[in-house]
């Protein structure tokens, strides 16, 4: 359901279905917000009050799903006028943090892919707090910085938000300390994680390694480099200069109890993925898993913890194998849970072999009965129900 090109409140559902989360439930109906990783300037979705910039075509769509009937309804624009809304994360307040993975510098007129964008006039590379009703205006969180944002996870006990970065060089794992945990936009401090004596965590780390960590403060969270090819790297460079540690392409991020799991898509000696766990109460970082073969895991991206305590990971591989959702048990063993078999012949106007398009946005309903995920291209959402007695 929720296919690209279908009508919704506030326009037409965009393509590039990406990160997603459940933000609330009323009775048998839960509400989800879904990112759309659109980079073009074909016009913003939604009412003017929901738009950051009039021509940027990325943003978010909310919808309701009835857990009893298995039906989705009331698709509506909740954020428009942004670029490359990749992942994000839910908050304890029933809102969604939507992260722009593309930066744009109005001072130079270039985006981070080196393309001139004269139609754009505002900086991009921000995080927005998004509300599910399609009426309340999203809030720009400037304090979370300007860089190639990926995902966000909020610790309900403290209100601290943890952020991943999918940069071209060494990428940072960040935390945002809000002045007011109940409202993020008024400001806060941005910090980058540091392991003493380990400036580079991209490879050469044994599985099971555990490090004590500390945090370094970013003085200029909205600094951009004039070189468009390194435009979003200035924030991480500030942290690295103070002793922070660099990772390889950080993407998915999910909090479960006292642990924040996050993925390094191209980390590890093989270069096909690591999964890390940060425990804020202990101030420790551990390498939970590293891909030693493509069969075990290939380029982990979005992830979540299942109701039974396993990890469920979306692959975004660049190989010739169909994309998978991969499960990981508590002993670090992986298993194939779902493999894409999307071959269409005119359904909803789409024809083609889409088995090699990534799964995204994996998350469970609050009662654990339904698993939601997105097929990035041609763009639709699936809801999968159990029984789950035999996994994941």
Protein backbone atom coordinates (compact mmCIF):
# COMPACT_ATOMS: atom_id res chain seq x y z
CA UNK A 1 0.00 0.00 0.00
CA UNK A 2 0.98 3.68 -0.17
CA UNK A 3 2.47 3.46 -3.66
CA UNK A 4 4.41 6.24 -5.36
CA UNK A 5 2.12 8.33 -7.54
CA UNK A 6 -1.08 7.73 -5.59
CA UNK A 7 -3.05 10.73 -4.39
CA UNK A 8 -2.93 11.84 -0.77
CA UNK A 9 -3.82 14.82 1.36
CA UNK A 10 -1.36 17.47 0.20
CA UNK A 11 -0.56 16.19 -3.27
CA UNK A 12 0.79 12.94 -4.69
CA UNK A 13 2.81 10.34 -2.77
CA UNK A 14 6.48 10.83 -3.71
CA UNK A 15 8.88 8.06 -4.71
CA UNK A 16 11.97 6.75 -2.85
CA UNK A 17 10.28 5.31 0.27
CA UNK A 18 12.92 5.18 3.00
CA UNK A 19 13.10 5.43 6.82
CA UNK A 20 9.88 5.00 8.79
CA UNK A 21 8.57 4.68 12.33
CA UNK A 22 5.41 4.19 14.39
CA UNK A 23 4.68 7.46 16.22
CA UNK A 24 1.45 6.64 18.02
CA UNK A 25 -1.59 4.43 18.54
CA UNK A 26 -5.25 5.06 19.34
CA UNK A 27 -7.35 1.98 19.87
CA UNK A 28 -6.56 -0.47 17.09
CA UNK A 29 -5.12 2.24 14.81
CA UNK A 30 -1.43 3.09 14.81
CA UNK A 31 0.13 6.03 12.96
CA UNK A 32 3.36 5.86 10.98
CA UNK A 33 5.52 8.53 9.35
CA UNK A 34 7.60 7.62 6.30
CA UNK A 35 10.54 9.46 4.74
CA UNK A 36 10.95 10.02 1.02
CA UNK A 37 14.56 10.30 -0.12
CA UNK A 38 13.91 12.65 -3.05
CA UNK A 39 16.74 14.94 -4.20
CA UNK A 40 15.02 16.80 -7.03
CA UNK A 41 13.51 20.29 -7.15
CA UNK A 42 10.18 19.50 -8.79
CA UNK A 43 8.10 21.17 -6.09
CA UNK A 44 7.35 20.58 -2.42
CA UNK A 45 4.56 18.34 -1.17
CA UNK A 46 2.04 19.54 1.38
CA UNK A 47 0.55 22.87 2.36
CA UNK A 48 2.79 25.94 2.44
CA UNK A 49 2.92 25.78 6.23
CA UNK A 50 4.52 22.31 6.05
CA UNK A 51 7.23 23.31 3.57
CA UNK A 52 10.80 24.30 4.34
CA UNK A 53 11.61 25.36 0.77
CA UNK A 54 9.10 25.66 -2.06
CA UNK A 55 10.82 23.61 -4.78
CA UNK A 56 12.69 20.86 -2.88
CA UNK A 57 10.72 17.64 -3.43
CA UNK A 58 11.74 15.48 -0.43
CA UNK A 59 9.75 15.13 2.76
CA UNK A 60 7.52 12.88 4.85
CA UNK A 61 4.14 11.20 4.55
CA UNK A 62 2.03 10.01 7.50
CA UNK A 63 -0.68 7.35 7.39
CA UNK A 64 -2.86 5.31 9.73
CA UNK A 65 -2.93 1.52 9.89
CA UNK A 66 -5.69 -0.52 11.53
CA UNK A 67 -4.08 -3.44 13.36
CA UNK A 68 -7.35 -5.38 13.41
CA UNK A 69 -8.32 -5.06 9.74
CA UNK A 70 -4.84 -4.76 8.22
CA UNK A 71 -5.89 -1.67 6.22
CA UNK A 72 -3.98 1.58 5.71
CA UNK A 73 -5.72 4.93 5.22
CA UNK A 74 -5.47 8.73 5.31
CA UNK A 75 -2.11 9.25 3.64
CA UNK A 76 -1.07 12.86 4.18
CA UNK A 77 1.93 15.12 3.70
CA UNK A 78 3.51 16.18 7.01
CA UNK A 79 6.82 17.69 5.80
CA UNK A 80 7.78 19.14 2.43
CA UNK A 81 10.50 21.24 0.84
CA UNK A 82 13.46 19.16 2.02
CA UNK A 83 16.13 17.05 0.28
CA UNK A 84 17.02 13.37 0.54
CA UNK A 85 15.08 12.54 3.71
CA UNK A 86 16.83 9.26 4.38
CA UNK A 87 16.25 7.91 7.86
CA UNK A 88 15.31 9.45 11.20
CA UNK A 89 13.65 8.20 14.34
CA UNK A 90 10.64 8.41 16.60
CA UNK A 91 10.49 10.46 19.81
CA UNK A 92 8.70 9.81 23.13
CA UNK A 93 6.36 12.71 22.22
CA UNK A 94 4.75 10.93 19.27
CA UNK A 95 6.73 12.85 16.66
CA UNK A 96 9.27 11.89 14.00
CA UNK A 97 12.79 13.23 13.46
CA UNK A 98 13.40 13.38 9.72
CA UNK A 99 17.03 13.64 8.61
CA UNK A 100 18.30 15.23 5.40
CA UNK A 101 21.21 13.26 3.95
CA UNK A 102 22.01 15.89 1.30
CA UNK A 103 23.67 19.21 2.09
CA UNK A 104 23.32 22.40 0.09
CA UNK A 105 25.17 25.66 0.64
CA UNK A 106 23.32 28.79 -0.58
CA UNK A 107 26.57 30.78 -0.30
CA UNK A 108 28.15 28.75 -3.12
CA UNK A 109 25.00 27.49 -4.88
CA UNK A 110 26.25 23.88 -4.90
CA UNK A 111 24.94 20.73 -3.27
CA UNK A 112 27.25 18.04 -1.90
CA UNK A 113 27.28 16.20 -5.23
CA UNK A 114 28.86 19.23 -6.88
CA UNK A 115 25.70 20.25 -8.74
CA UNK A 116 24.69 23.88 -9.10
CA UNK A 117 21.18 24.40 -7.71
CA UNK A 118 20.11 27.99 -8.49
CA UNK A 119 16.51 27.11 -7.64
CA UNK A 120 17.40 26.53 -3.96
CA UNK A 121 17.86 29.38 -1.48
CA UNK A 122 18.13 27.80 1.98
CA UNK A 123 20.81 25.56 3.52
CA UNK A 124 20.07 21.83 3.61
CA UNK A 125 21.43 19.00 5.73
CA UNK A 126 19.23 19.52 8.78
CA UNK A 127 16.97 17.47 11.04
CA UNK A 128 13.28 18.37 11.37
CA UNK A 129 10.80 17.39 14.06
CA UNK A 130 7.63 16.31 12.23
CA UNK A 131 4.10 16.08 13.62
CA UNK A 132 1.66 13.41 12.39
CA UNK A 133 -1.57 15.40 11.93
CA UNK A 134 -0.60 17.13 8.67
CA UNK A 135 -1.51 20.50 10.21
CA UNK A 136 1.18 21.50 12.69
CA UNK A 137 4.27 22.95 11.04
CA UNK A 138 7.49 20.93 11.33
CA UNK A 139 10.28 22.42 13.43
CA UNK A 140 13.83 22.86 12.13
CA UNK A 141 16.43 21.77 14.70
CA UNK A 142 19.43 23.91 13.84
CA UNK A 143 21.44 22.70 16.83
CA UNK A 144 21.66 19.19 15.37
CA UNK A 145 23.93 20.59 12.71
CA UNK A 146 24.45 20.66 8.96
CA UNK A 147 25.86 17.41 7.61
CA UNK A 148 24.81 14.23 5.82
CA UNK A 149 22.39 13.06 8.50
CA UNK A 150 21.07 9.52 8.54
CA UNK A 151 19.18 8.30 11.61
CA UNK A 152 18.17 9.48 15.07
CA UNK A 153 17.30 7.68 18.30
CA UNK A 154 15.96 9.41 21.42
CA UNK A 155 16.70 8.08 24.89
CA UNK A 156 13.35 8.42 26.71
CA UNK A 157 15.08 8.49 30.09
CA UNK A 158 17.18 11.58 29.35
CA UNK A 159 15.81 13.18 26.16
CA UNK A 160 19.27 12.93 24.57
CA UNK A 161 19.13 12.28 20.83
CA UNK A 162 21.77 10.08 19.16
CA UNK A 163 22.57 10.75 15.50
CA UNK A 164 24.41 8.94 12.71
CA UNK A 165 26.25 10.45 9.74
CA UNK A 166 26.68 8.91 6.28
CA UNK A 167 29.68 10.95 5.19
CA UNK A 168 32.25 10.43 2.45
CA UNK A 169 35.19 10.35 4.86
CA UNK A 170 35.33 9.38 8.54
CA UNK A 171 31.78 9.83 9.82
CA UNK A 172 30.66 10.72 13.31
CA UNK A 173 28.34 9.24 15.90
CA UNK A 174 26.78 12.21 17.68
CA UNK A 175 24.56 13.11 20.56
CA UNK A 176 22.39 16.20 20.95
CA UNK A 177 21.83 17.53 24.47
CA UNK A 178 18.68 19.65 24.21
CA UNK A 179 18.12 22.64 26.44
CA UNK A 180 14.53 21.40 26.75
CA UNK A 181 14.00 17.65 26.18
CA UNK A 182 10.32 18.32 25.44
CA UNK A 183 11.16 20.67 22.54
CA UNK A 184 14.32 20.26 20.51
CA UNK A 185 14.27 23.30 18.23
CA UNK A 186 15.18 26.03 20.81
CA UNK A 187 18.74 24.71 20.97
CA UNK A 188 21.22 22.41 22.59
CA UNK A 189 24.77 21.09 22.40
CA UNK A 190 26.08 18.78 19.67
CA UNK A 191 28.85 16.35 20.60
CA UNK A 192 30.79 13.61 18.78
CA UNK A 193 31.82 10.28 20.30
CA UNK A 194 35.49 9.63 21.00
CA UNK A 195 37.43 6.47 21.89
CA UNK A 196 40.79 7.40 23.38
CA UNK A 197 43.61 6.23 21.13
CA UNK A 198 41.25 5.00 18.36
CA UNK A 199 40.72 7.81 15.90
CA UNK A 200 39.64 5.38 13.16
CA UNK A 201 37.09 2.63 13.81
CA UNK A 202 36.38 1.81 10.19
CA UNK A 203 38.39 -1.43 10.21
CA UNK A 204 40.83 -3.42 12.31
CA UNK A 205 38.45 -3.82 15.28
CA UNK A 206 37.81 -7.36 16.56
CA UNK A 207 34.21 -8.41 17.15
CA UNK A 208 33.44 -8.15 20.85
CA UNK A 209 35.90 -5.29 21.40
CA UNK A 210 34.65 -2.89 24.05
CA UNK A 211 35.84 0.67 24.58
CA UNK A 212 35.30 3.35 27.18
CA UNK A 213 34.17 6.53 25.47
CA UNK A 214 33.81 10.23 26.04
CA UNK A 215 32.32 13.08 24.01
CA UNK A 216 33.83 16.17 22.40
CA UNK A 217 31.79 19.32 21.74
CA UNK A 218 31.23 20.73 18.26
CA UNK A 219 31.69 24.51 18.31
CA UNK A 220 30.21 25.30 14.87
CA UNK A 221 27.51 22.75 14.11
CA UNK A 222 26.32 24.60 10.98
CA UNK A 223 29.71 25.06 9.32
CA UNK A 224 29.95 23.93 5.67
CA UNK A 225 33.10 23.57 3.58
CA UNK A 226 33.37 25.61 0.36
CA UNK A 227 34.44 22.48 -1.56
CA UNK A 228 31.14 20.90 -2.68
CA UNK A 229 32.64 17.39 -2.72
CA UNK A 230 33.42 17.73 1.01
CA UNK A 231 30.64 20.17 1.82
CA UNK A 232 29.10 18.21 4.71
CA UNK A 233 32.40 17.13 6.29
CA UNK A 234 33.16 20.22 8.38
CA UNK A 235 31.25 19.07 11.46
CA UNK A 236 33.03 15.72 11.65
CA UNK A 237 36.38 17.40 10.98
CA UNK A 238 35.88 19.60 14.04
CA UNK A 239 35.26 16.52 16.18
CA UNK A 240 38.18 14.56 14.72
CA UNK A 241 40.52 17.47 15.45
CA UNK A 242 39.53 17.18 19.13
CA UNK A 243 40.13 13.44 19.30
CA UNK A 244 36.75 12.06 18.24
CA UNK A 245 36.56 8.75 16.37
CA UNK A 246 35.56 8.21 12.75
CA UNK A 247 33.33 5.43 11.43
CA UNK A 248 32.53 4.23 7.90
CA UNK A 249 29.14 5.44 6.63
CA UNK A 250 26.91 5.27 9.68
CA UNK A 251 23.24 4.65 8.87
CA UNK A 252 20.58 2.88 10.95
CA UNK A 253 20.18 3.73 14.63
CA UNK A 254 17.75 2.19 17.13
CA UNK A 255 17.41 2.37 20.92
CA UNK A 256 16.34 -0.65 22.93
CA UNK A 257 16.41 -0.46 26.72
CA UNK A 258 19.81 0.88 27.71
CA UNK A 259 21.48 0.16 24.36
CA UNK A 260 21.71 2.16 21.13
CA UNK A 261 22.45 -0.07 18.15
CA UNK A 262 23.79 1.53 14.97
CA UNK A 263 25.09 0.27 11.64
CA UNK A 264 28.23 1.09 9.70
CA UNK A 265 27.21 0.18 6.17
CA UNK A 266 30.70 -0.23 4.71
CA UNK A 267 32.70 -0.77 7.89
CA UNK A 268 34.91 -3.71 8.73
CA UNK A 269 37.88 -5.39 7.10
CA UNK A 270 35.71 -6.79 4.29
CA UNK A 271 34.06 -3.39 3.90
CA UNK A 272 30.50 -4.72 3.99
CA UNK A 273 29.24 -3.80 7.40
CA UNK A 274 29.56 -3.50 11.14
CA UNK A 275 26.96 -3.28 13.89
CA UNK A 276 27.87 -1.29 17.00
CA UNK A 277 26.25 -0.95 20.42
CA UNK A 278 26.62 2.13 22.60
CA UNK A 279 25.51 1.88 26.24
CA UNK A 280 25.06 5.36 27.68
CA UNK A 281 24.75 4.28 31.33
CA UNK A 282 28.14 2.55 31.10
CA UNK A 283 29.64 5.00 28.57
CA UNK A 284 30.92 2.05 26.54
CA UNK A 285 31.02 1.18 22.85
CA UNK A 286 31.10 -2.44 21.59
CA UNK A 287 31.44 -4.02 18.16
CA UNK A 288 28.58 -6.51 18.07
CA UNK A 289 29.02 -7.87 14.53
CA UNK A 290 31.18 -7.55 11.45
CA UNK A 291 30.35 -9.00 8.03
CA UNK A 292 32.94 -11.64 7.15
CA UNK A 293 30.97 -12.79 4.10
CA UNK A 294 28.25 -11.33 1.89
CA UNK A 295 26.02 -14.27 2.73
CA UNK A 296 26.00 -13.33 6.41
CA UNK A 297 25.19 -9.65 5.84
CA UNK A 298 25.84 -7.21 3.01
CA UNK A 299 25.73 -3.44 3.67
CA UNK A 300 23.42 -3.11 6.71
CA UNK A 301 21.23 0.00 6.74
CA UNK A 302 18.00 0.55 8.72
CA UNK A 303 17.48 -1.76 11.67
CA UNK A 304 15.21 -2.39 14.64
CA UNK A 305 14.92 -4.71 17.63
CA UNK A 306 12.14 -7.26 17.29
CA UNK A 307 9.62 -7.94 20.10
CA UNK A 308 11.52 -11.17 20.87
CA UNK A 309 14.88 -9.42 21.23
CA UNK A 310 16.62 -10.10 17.92
CA UNK A 311 17.88 -7.48 15.50
CA UNK A 312 16.18 -7.14 12.12
CA UNK A 313 18.32 -5.37 9.53
CA UNK A 314 17.59 -3.97 6.08
CA UNK A 315 20.33 -4.54 3.52
CA UNK A 316 21.31 -1.94 0.94
CA UNK A 317 23.84 -4.02 -0.98
CA UNK A 318 25.50 -3.25 -4.30
CA UNK A 319 25.90 -6.87 -5.36
CA UNK A 320 23.89 -8.88 -7.86
CA UNK A 321 21.84 -10.59 -5.13
CA UNK A 322 18.25 -9.69 -4.27
CA UNK A 323 17.95 -7.41 -1.25
CA UNK A 324 17.13 -9.01 2.09
CA UNK A 325 15.91 -8.38 5.56
CA UNK A 326 18.41 -10.19 7.77
CA UNK A 327 17.79 -11.27 11.34
CA UNK A 328 20.49 -11.49 14.00
CA UNK A 329 20.02 -13.48 17.19
CA UNK A 330 21.42 -12.53 20.57
CA UNK A 331 24.55 -14.61 19.90
CA UNK A 332 25.40 -12.59 16.81
CA UNK A 333 24.32 -15.25 14.29
CA UNK A 334 22.52 -13.98 11.19
CA UNK A 335 19.70 -15.58 9.22
CA UNK A 336 17.78 -14.56 6.10
CA UNK A 337 14.29 -13.45 7.11
CA UNK A 338 12.89 -12.00 3.87
CA UNK A 339 14.25 -11.70 0.36
CA UNK A 340 12.80 -9.26 -2.15
CA UNK A 341 10.82 -10.93 -4.93
CA UNK A 342 9.28 -7.78 -6.41
CA UNK A 343 8.77 -8.36 -10.14
CA UNK A 344 5.90 -6.28 -11.50
CA UNK A 345 3.96 -6.43 -14.75
CA UNK A 346 1.82 -3.33 -14.77
CA UNK A 347 0.74 -3.32 -11.12
CA UNK A 348 -0.08 0.27 -10.13
CA UNK A 349 1.51 1.32 -13.43
CA UNK A 350 4.93 -0.21 -12.66
CA UNK A 351 6.70 -2.84 -14.74
CA UNK A 352 10.13 -4.28 -14.06
CA UNK A 353 12.38 -6.37 -11.87
CA UNK A 354 12.77 -4.56 -8.52
CA UNK A 355 14.38 -7.38 -6.52
CA UNK A 356 17.63 -5.42 -6.24
CA UNK A 357 16.04 -2.31 -4.71
CA UNK A 358 16.62 -1.93 -1.00
CA UNK A 359 14.31 -2.67 1.88
CA UNK A 360 13.96 0.33 4.24
CA UNK A 361 12.16 1.60 7.31
CA UNK A 362 11.75 -1.66 9.20
CA UNK A 363 9.67 -1.31 12.40
CA UNK A 364 7.06 -3.19 14.43
CA UNK A 365 3.62 -2.18 15.65
CA UNK A 366 3.44 -1.49 19.40
CA UNK A 367 1.73 -4.84 20.04
CA UNK A 368 4.39 -6.71 18.07
CA UNK A 369 1.88 -8.33 15.68
CA UNK A 370 2.77 -6.38 12.54
CA UNK A 371 6.10 -5.74 10.86
CA UNK A 372 6.27 -2.72 8.52
CA UNK A 373 8.88 -2.06 5.85
CA UNK A 374 9.31 -0.12 2.60
CA UNK A 375 10.36 -1.17 -0.84
CA UNK A 376 12.45 1.83 -1.93
CA UNK A 377 11.69 1.47 -5.65
CA UNK A 378 9.12 1.60 -7.18
CA UNK A 379 8.00 2.78 -3.75
CA UNK A 380 5.43 1.08 -1.54
CA UNK A 381 4.99 -0.11 2.05
CA UNK A 382 4.32 -3.64 3.24
CA UNK A 383 2.77 -4.89 6.47
CA UNK A 384 3.63 -8.45 7.47
CA UNK A 385 1.85 -10.34 10.23
CA UNK A 386 2.82 -13.48 12.13
CA UNK A 387 2.39 -15.81 13.86
CA UNK A 388 5.96 -15.22 14.99
CA UNK A 389 6.47 -18.26 17.22
CA UNK A 390 9.46 -19.46 15.17
CA UNK A 391 11.19 -16.07 14.83
CA UNK A 392 12.61 -13.63 14.28
